[in-house]
Protein backbone atom coordinates (compact mmCIF):
# COMPACT_ATOMS: atom_id res chain seq x y z
CA MET A 1 -7.41 9.20 -34.23
CA LEU A 2 -7.43 5.34 -33.63
CA GLY A 3 -11.03 4.13 -33.37
CA GLY A 4 -12.27 7.33 -31.94
CA VAL A 5 -9.21 7.57 -29.64
CA SER A 6 -6.45 9.99 -29.99
CA ALA A 7 -2.93 8.87 -30.64
CA GLU A 8 -1.69 10.95 -27.63
CA ARG A 9 -4.08 8.94 -25.49
CA VAL A 10 -2.92 5.68 -26.66
CA ALA A 11 0.63 6.75 -25.99
CA GLY A 12 -0.43 7.90 -22.40
CA ARG A 13 -1.87 4.43 -21.92
CA ALA A 14 1.00 2.74 -23.18
CA ALA A 15 3.24 4.64 -20.82
CA ARG A 16 1.10 4.33 -17.83
CA THR A 17 1.00 0.58 -18.68
CA GLU A 18 4.76 0.43 -18.98
CA ARG A 19 5.22 2.06 -15.42
CA ALA A 20 2.61 -0.43 -14.04
CA ILE A 21 4.66 -3.41 -15.36
CA LEU A 22 7.86 -1.92 -14.15
CA TYR A 23 6.45 -1.38 -10.75
CA ALA A 24 4.83 -4.78 -10.58
CA HIS A 25 7.87 -6.76 -11.19
CA GLY A 26 10.34 -4.73 -9.06
CA PRO A 27 12.56 -3.42 -12.02
CA ASP A 28 16.14 -2.26 -12.26
CA HIS A 29 14.90 0.44 -14.99
CA VAL A 30 12.38 3.17 -14.91
CA PRO A 31 11.41 5.34 -18.01
CA SER A 32 13.02 8.62 -18.04
CA PRO A 33 10.75 11.75 -18.51
CA ARG A 34 13.02 12.67 -21.30
CA GLY A 35 12.64 9.47 -23.05
CA GLY A 36 14.79 6.36 -22.77
CA ILE A 37 15.71 4.38 -19.73
CA VAL A 38 17.51 5.37 -16.59
CA LEU A 39 19.00 2.89 -14.20
CA SER A 40 17.30 2.83 -10.76
CA ARG A 41 15.59 0.58 -8.43
CA VAL A 42 11.84 1.04 -7.51
CA VAL A 43 11.01 -0.08 -3.88
CA LYS A 44 7.24 -0.41 -2.73
CA SER A 45 6.69 -0.15 1.00
CA ILE A 46 3.47 -0.79 2.94
CA ALA A 47 3.12 0.68 6.47
CA PHE A 48 0.69 1.10 9.26
CA LEU A 49 0.99 3.39 12.20
CA ASP A 50 -1.19 4.45 15.41
CA HIS A 51 -1.44 8.15 16.44
CA LEU A 52 0.20 9.21 19.35
CA PRO A 53 -1.51 8.41 22.85
CA GLY A 54 -2.35 11.57 24.84
CA LYS A 55 -2.63 13.72 21.70
CA SER A 56 -5.84 14.14 19.59
CA GLU A 57 -6.33 12.10 16.43
CA GLU A 58 -7.20 15.28 14.60
CA ALA A 59 -3.99 17.03 15.72
CA CYS A 60 -2.04 13.89 14.68
CA ASP A 61 -3.74 13.94 11.30
CA ARG A 62 -2.96 17.43 10.58
CA HIS A 63 0.59 17.03 11.42
CA TYR A 64 1.03 13.75 9.39
CA VAL A 65 -0.86 15.03 6.32
CA GLN A 66 0.13 18.72 6.28
CA HIS A 67 3.87 18.37 7.50
CA HIS A 68 5.18 14.93 7.64
CA VAL A 69 4.44 13.53 4.38
CA PRO A 70 5.82 16.49 2.45
CA PHE A 71 8.69 16.82 4.75
CA VAL A 72 9.68 13.19 4.00
CA VAL A 73 9.28 13.31 0.37
CA ASN A 74 11.28 16.55 0.02
CA MET A 75 14.07 15.18 2.25
CA MET A 76 14.21 12.08 -0.04
CA ARG A 77 14.30 14.06 -3.16
CA GLU A 78 17.14 16.27 -1.80
CA THR A 79 18.96 12.97 -1.35
CA GLY A 80 18.23 11.90 -4.85
CA ILE A 81 15.67 9.58 -4.06
CA ASP A 82 12.24 10.06 -6.04
CA ALA A 83 9.26 9.18 -3.87
CA SER A 84 5.45 8.96 -4.13
CA TYR A 85 3.44 8.68 -0.75
CA TYR A 86 -0.17 7.85 -0.49
CA THR A 87 -1.75 7.77 2.94
CA ALA A 88 -5.19 6.60 4.05
CA LYS A 89 -7.29 6.83 7.18
CA ALA A 90 -8.97 3.75 8.45
CA VAL A 91 -12.82 4.17 8.82
CA ALA A 92 -14.18 0.62 9.54
CA ARG A 93 -13.18 -2.78 10.23
CA ARG A 94 -14.92 -5.91 9.22
CA HIS A 95 -15.54 -8.81 11.86
CA ILE A 96 -15.48 -12.49 11.17
CA ASP A 97 -19.38 -12.48 11.20
CA GLY A 98 -19.47 -10.00 8.38
CA HIS A 99 -20.63 -6.74 10.31
CA TRP A 100 -18.60 -3.67 10.41
CA THR A 101 -17.64 -1.35 13.26
CA PRO A 102 -15.43 1.89 13.38
CA ALA A 103 -11.87 1.22 13.25
CA VAL A 104 -10.53 1.61 16.64
CA ARG A 105 -7.15 -0.34 16.61
CA GLU A 106 -6.30 1.01 13.15
CA TRP A 107 -5.38 4.61 12.32
CA ARG A 108 -3.64 5.20 9.13
CA SER A 109 -1.87 3.22 6.35
CA ALA A 110 0.96 4.43 4.07
CA SER A 111 1.83 3.39 0.63
CA ILE A 112 5.34 4.62 -0.46
CA ARG A 113 7.10 3.95 -3.78
CA VAL A 114 10.75 5.14 -4.28
CA SER A 115 12.88 5.19 -7.10
CA ILE A 116 16.45 5.03 -6.17
CA PRO A 117 19.25 6.06 -8.44
CA ALA A 118 22.00 3.38 -9.08
CA GLU A 119 24.64 5.71 -7.74
CA GLY A 120 23.95 7.73 -4.64
CA GLY A 121 20.24 8.02 -3.27
CA ALA A 122 21.29 6.60 0.25
CA LEU A 123 19.17 7.85 3.04
CA GLU A 124 21.81 9.83 5.15
CA GLU A 125 22.01 9.39 9.17
CA GLY A 126 21.03 13.14 9.54
CA VAL A 127 17.88 12.57 7.57
CA ARG A 128 16.71 9.39 9.13
CA ARG A 129 17.17 11.04 12.48
CA ALA A 130 15.18 14.12 11.45
CA ILE A 131 12.44 11.84 10.12
CA GLU A 132 12.52 9.91 13.54
CA ASP A 133 12.33 13.02 15.49
CA ASP A 134 9.18 13.95 13.64
CA HIS A 135 7.84 10.57 14.20
CA ARG A 136 7.81 11.44 18.04
CA ARG A 137 5.30 14.25 17.55
CA PHE A 138 2.52 12.09 16.04
CA LEU A 139 2.93 8.28 15.84
CA CYS A 140 3.97 5.07 17.40
CA ASN A 141 3.60 1.31 16.65
CA LEU A 142 4.87 1.65 13.02
CA ARG A 143 4.69 -1.46 11.00
CA SER A 144 6.50 -1.38 7.62
CA TYR A 145 6.95 -4.08 4.86
CA LEU A 146 8.93 -4.26 1.63
CA CYS A 147 6.70 -5.76 -1.03
CA SER A 148 6.45 -6.94 -4.55
CA GLU A 149 3.52 -5.16 -6.20
CA SER A 150 1.08 -6.85 -8.89
CA VAL A 151 -1.50 -4.63 -10.53
CA VAL A 152 -4.99 -6.26 -11.57
CA ARG A 153 -7.71 -4.19 -13.17
CA GLY A 154 -11.41 -4.46 -12.75
CA ARG A 155 -14.14 -3.03 -14.82
CA ALA A 156 -15.08 -0.02 -12.92
CA THR A 157 -13.93 3.51 -14.08
CA GLU A 158 -13.44 5.26 -11.00
CA ALA A 159 -12.77 4.73 -7.29
CA ARG A 160 -14.56 6.30 -4.58
CA ALA A 161 -13.58 3.75 -1.66
CA LYS A 162 -10.51 1.86 -0.67
CA PHE A 163 -10.05 -1.23 1.43
CA ILE A 164 -7.07 -3.38 2.44
CA LEU A 165 -7.12 -6.96 3.07
CA GLU A 166 -4.22 -7.94 5.39
CA VAL A 167 -3.11 -11.73 5.44
CA ALA A 168 -1.52 -12.18 8.86
CA SER A 169 0.65 -15.24 9.30
CA ARG A 170 1.25 -17.09 12.46
CA PRO A 171 4.47 -16.94 14.44
CA GLY A 172 7.16 -18.73 12.72
CA SER A 173 5.06 -19.56 9.75
CA PHE A 174 5.69 -16.85 7.18
CA ALA A 175 7.34 -19.27 4.57
CA ALA A 176 4.61 -21.84 5.18
CA SER A 177 1.91 -18.98 4.67
CA ARG A 178 2.91 -18.27 1.22
CA GLN A 179 1.27 -20.92 -0.77
CA PRO A 180 -2.07 -20.89 0.41
CA THR A 181 -1.76 -17.02 0.29
CA ASP A 182 -0.88 -17.28 -3.29
CA GLU A 183 -3.92 -19.64 -4.20
CA PHE A 184 -6.03 -17.11 -2.20
CA LEU A 185 -4.74 -14.00 -4.15
CA ASP A 186 -5.14 -15.98 -7.51
CA ALA A 187 -8.78 -16.63 -6.66
CA VAL A 188 -9.31 -12.99 -5.62
CA THR A 189 -7.76 -11.80 -8.87
CA ARG A 190 -9.95 -13.87 -11.09
CA ARG A 191 -13.10 -12.25 -9.34
CA VAL A 192 -11.82 -8.83 -9.72
CA GLU A 193 -11.08 -9.08 -13.45
CA GLN A 194 -15.01 -9.84 -13.88
CA SER A 195 -16.27 -7.20 -11.40
CA ASP A 196 -18.27 -4.05 -12.64
CA ASP A 197 -17.65 -2.54 -9.20
CA ILE A 198 -13.84 -2.75 -8.60
CA ALA A 199 -11.52 -0.50 -10.40
CA LEU A 200 -8.34 -2.24 -9.59
CA ILE A 201 -6.38 -3.90 -6.73
CA LEU A 202 -2.68 -3.71 -5.89
CA VAL A 203 -1.44 -7.30 -4.56
CA ASN A 204 1.45 -6.62 -2.33
CA ARG A 205 3.23 -9.76 -1.56
CA VAL A 206 5.41 -9.21 1.47
CA ARG A 207 9.26 -9.98 1.04
CA ARG A 208 10.53 -8.32 4.37
CA GLN A 209 9.42 -6.53 7.40
CA GLU A 210 11.56 -3.69 8.62
CA VAL A 211 12.52 -3.52 12.02
CA ALA A 212 10.67 -0.66 14.12
CA GLN A 213 12.70 0.75 16.96
CA GLU A 214 11.36 2.17 20.42
CA LEU A 215 12.31 5.73 21.11
CA ASP A 216 9.93 7.65 23.19
CA LEU A 217 7.28 4.97 22.40
CA PRO A 218 7.59 1.58 20.54
CA GLY A 219 7.56 1.83 16.82
CA GLN A 220 8.77 5.45 16.38
CA GLY A 221 12.24 4.55 14.99
CA PHE A 222 13.41 2.70 11.98
CA SER A 223 16.71 1.38 10.51
CA PRO A 224 16.72 1.28 6.86
CA GLY A 225 18.02 -2.24 5.59
CA VAL A 226 17.47 -4.11 9.03
CA PHE A 227 14.59 -6.47 8.88
CA THR A 228 13.04 -9.05 11.19
CA ASP A 229 13.76 -12.74 10.85
CA GLU A 230 10.14 -13.71 10.37
CA PRO A 231 7.62 -11.02 8.85
CA ASP A 232 4.12 -11.39 10.54
CA ALA A 233 1.99 -10.78 7.18
CA ALA A 234 2.33 -12.65 4.17
CA ALA A 235 0.45 -10.19 1.80
CA PHE A 236 -1.71 -6.96 1.48
CA VAL A 237 -4.51 -6.39 -1.19
CA GLU A 238 -5.39 -2.72 -1.75
CA ILE A 239 -8.99 -2.67 -3.33
CA TYR A 240 -10.30 0.33 -5.10
CA ALA A 241 -14.08 0.15 -5.45
CA SER A 242 -16.70 2.33 -7.12
CA SER A 243 -18.32 2.80 -3.79
CA GLU A 244 -18.12 1.93 -0.31
CA ALA A 245 -21.17 -0.33 -0.57
CA HIS A 246 -19.88 -1.98 -3.86
CA GLY A 247 -16.45 -2.70 -2.02
CA ARG A 248 -18.31 -4.28 0.96
CA ALA A 249 -20.52 -6.37 -1.37
CA PHE A 250 -17.28 -7.51 -3.30
CA ILE A 251 -15.74 -8.52 -0.14
CA GLU A 252 -18.71 -10.48 1.20
CA GLY A 253 -18.50 -12.23 -2.22
CA ILE A 254 -14.95 -13.45 -1.37
CA ALA A 255 -15.75 -13.95 2.37
CA GLY A 256 -15.78 -17.88 1.95
CA LEU A 257 -12.17 -17.66 0.41
CA MET A 258 -11.14 -15.54 3.39
CA THR A 259 -12.63 -18.04 5.66
CA ALA A 260 -10.91 -20.92 3.92
CA LEU A 261 -7.52 -19.10 4.16
CA GLU A 262 -7.98 -18.61 7.94
CA CYS A 263 -8.27 -22.30 8.36
CA ASP A 264 -4.90 -22.86 7.21
CA ALA A 265 -2.48 -23.69 9.98
CA ALA A 266 -0.07 -21.04 8.80
CA VAL A 267 -2.36 -18.18 8.77
CA ARG A 268 -3.58 -16.18 11.81
CA GLU A 269 -6.19 -14.18 10.33
CA VAL A 270 -7.34 -12.09 7.14
CA ARG A 271 -8.01 -8.77 8.37
CA CYS A 272 -10.30 -6.34 6.40
CA THR A 273 -10.37 -2.51 6.83
CA SER A 274 -11.88 0.18 4.83
CA PHE A 275 -10.03 3.51 4.44
CA VAL A 276 -10.33 6.95 2.96
CA GLU A 277 -7.45 7.96 0.91
CA SER A 278 -6.94 11.64 0.75
CA SER A 279 -8.13 13.76 -1.95
CA GLN A 280 -7.67 11.02 -4.64
CA ILE A 281 -10.47 9.07 -3.43
CA ALA A 282 -12.69 12.17 -2.90
CA ARG A 283 -12.47 13.09 -6.52
CA GLY A 284 -13.06 9.37 -7.64
CA GLU A 285 -9.69 9.27 -9.47
CA LEU A 286 -7.74 6.11 -9.96
CA PRO A 287 -4.19 5.66 -9.02
CA ASP A 288 -1.81 5.89 -11.90
CA TYR A 289 -1.44 2.16 -12.80
CA GLY A 290 -2.27 2.06 -16.45
CA VAL A 291 -5.84 2.35 -15.78
CA ASP A 292 -7.89 4.23 -18.44
CA ARG A 293 -9.77 7.49 -17.04
């Protein structure tokens, strides 16, 4: 025992922290479950999607959660790509005057992290087409971004609510939006580190935006490795709070920072949406990013 904490727990913390650091800095190496290091690339993707018009939201939810997510993860693993896939359902959106209304425009977000072996692991054409064919059954208007991720811990020990801040850049202003966005993210990070109500945030700086193609409807198809010339967002901040009320209070505390960022000529808006993330949030558990449980 070390100060009342078992050596096994200390080792577990170290392993989780190592994974967090590796994920945060976009490494070429990931710890092997058998010890040592294996060569691979870790890629983080944030995506947003609408449910299929003419089909009930409940039916689209069932298909997405019960069929599509396991289907995609299993298909990737069969190709040699190790994937983790978290999806969250939009609940409410904050308006500029501070009031919240039920989310109408938004439906779901997805956070996908893949570890691609140095050799092999390419998404085969047949796999891509199978995923696209399934997209036709439940989604449209897919937006997907490759991001670099940083992990910041707060003081709360559990998470029961999730929020996402989206920093949207104006057309043709993605590069110009980076500096003011970084200043905003640094200020938010300092607030989180002192917060008793926030468990952690994941700061996702957009590097590229993937091209979404039209099939039956816009944004149902995708082409791995094909990107837009100009991403329409600079960053996404995933906030895990101890409760919905505490999360909203924290966001009101940074509302001045959000308003100041929106005054920058390169930034279109800072959009804030609350989400419910599958069973993880329901149980109050934290994502495994080196956070003590």
